[in-house]
Protein backbone atom coordinates (compact mmCIF):
# COMPACT_ATOMS: atom_id res chain seq x y z
CA UNK A 1 100.17 133.15 98.47
CA UNK A 2 98.35 136.05 96.86
CA UNK A 3 95.64 136.48 94.28
CA UNK A 4 96.09 138.01 90.82
CA UNK A 5 95.41 141.47 92.24
CA UNK A 6 98.17 140.94 94.83
CA UNK A 7 95.69 140.68 97.70
CA UNK A 8 96.45 137.88 100.17
CA UNK A 9 94.20 134.88 99.81
CA UNK A 10 92.50 133.55 102.87
CA UNK A 11 93.50 130.16 104.15
CA UNK A 12 90.77 127.52 103.93
CA UNK A 13 89.10 126.64 107.19
CA UNK A 14 90.11 123.02 107.65
CA UNK A 15 87.97 122.63 110.77
CA UNK A 16 84.66 122.87 108.93
CA UNK A 17 83.18 120.16 106.77
CA UNK A 18 83.95 120.55 103.10
CA UNK A 19 81.20 121.57 100.70
CA UNK A 20 80.56 119.76 97.43
CA UNK A 21 79.39 121.81 94.45
CA UNK A 22 78.60 120.71 90.89
CA UNK A 23 80.97 122.02 88.23
CA UNK A 24 80.95 121.86 84.44
CA UNK A 25 84.63 122.53 83.78
CA UNK A 26 87.64 120.82 85.27
CA UNK A 27 90.69 123.13 85.30
CA UNK A 28 94.02 121.71 84.22
CA UNK A 29 96.13 120.42 87.09
CA UNK A 30 93.20 119.63 89.41
CA UNK A 31 93.19 116.20 91.04
CA UNK A 32 90.24 114.15 89.76
CA UNK A 33 88.91 111.14 91.68
CA UNK A 34 86.49 108.62 90.24
CA UNK A 35 83.64 107.77 92.59
CA UNK A 36 84.20 104.00 92.40
CA UNK A 37 87.84 104.42 93.47
CA UNK A 38 86.94 106.13 96.77
CA UNK A 39 86.50 104.38 100.09
CA UNK A 40 83.04 103.08 100.95
CA UNK A 41 82.73 105.72 103.69
CA UNK A 42 83.55 108.53 101.25
CA UNK A 43 81.19 107.11 98.60
CA UNK A 44 78.36 107.01 101.15
CA UNK A 45 79.07 110.58 102.25
CA UNK A 46 79.02 111.81 98.64
CA UNK A 47 75.84 109.89 97.82
CA UNK A 48 74.05 111.44 100.80
CA UNK A 49 75.26 115.05 100.54
CA UNK A 50 72.75 117.40 102.15
CA UNK A 51 70.90 120.07 100.18
CA UNK A 52 73.39 122.63 101.49
CA UNK A 53 76.20 120.66 99.84
CA UNK A 54 77.89 119.85 103.16
CA UNK A 55 79.93 116.67 102.98
CA UNK A 56 79.40 114.76 106.20
CA UNK A 57 82.89 113.33 106.52
CA UNK A 58 86.03 114.12 108.44
CA UNK A 59 88.27 115.81 105.84
CA UNK A 60 91.34 114.23 107.45
CA UNK A 61 89.90 110.72 107.00
CA UNK A 62 89.63 110.80 103.22
CA UNK A 63 91.86 111.20 100.18
CA UNK A 64 89.77 114.19 99.12
CA UNK A 65 91.20 117.67 99.51
CA UNK A 66 89.59 121.04 98.94
CA UNK A 67 89.82 121.83 95.23
CA UNK A 68 89.66 118.18 94.14
CA UNK A 69 87.03 117.10 91.65
CA UNK A 70 85.02 113.88 91.94
CA UNK A 71 83.49 112.24 88.89
CA UNK A 72 80.12 110.85 89.94
CA UNK A 73 76.97 111.22 87.84
CA UNK A 74 78.33 114.75 87.25
CA UNK A 75 81.54 116.52 88.20
CA UNK A 76 81.66 117.80 91.78
CA UNK A 77 84.30 120.00 93.31
CA UNK A 78 85.23 119.77 96.99
CA UNK A 79 85.51 123.23 98.57
């Protein structure tokens, strides 16, 4: 896959913990998860996100993928 300027995009590093960042816009086509529909483990991880935004959860053990948006008290994007 390449970017708009035809430069190759880098593959996401799936070995590192995802980062959660607040967003104000939700692009069309993005998967949106509601907080109350997530597993208890994922809810706890989101509720206790560190100041750096690191999500302390195994990305393979959750329905969340990088690029997904979670509706909590605000919108948060998983990166």
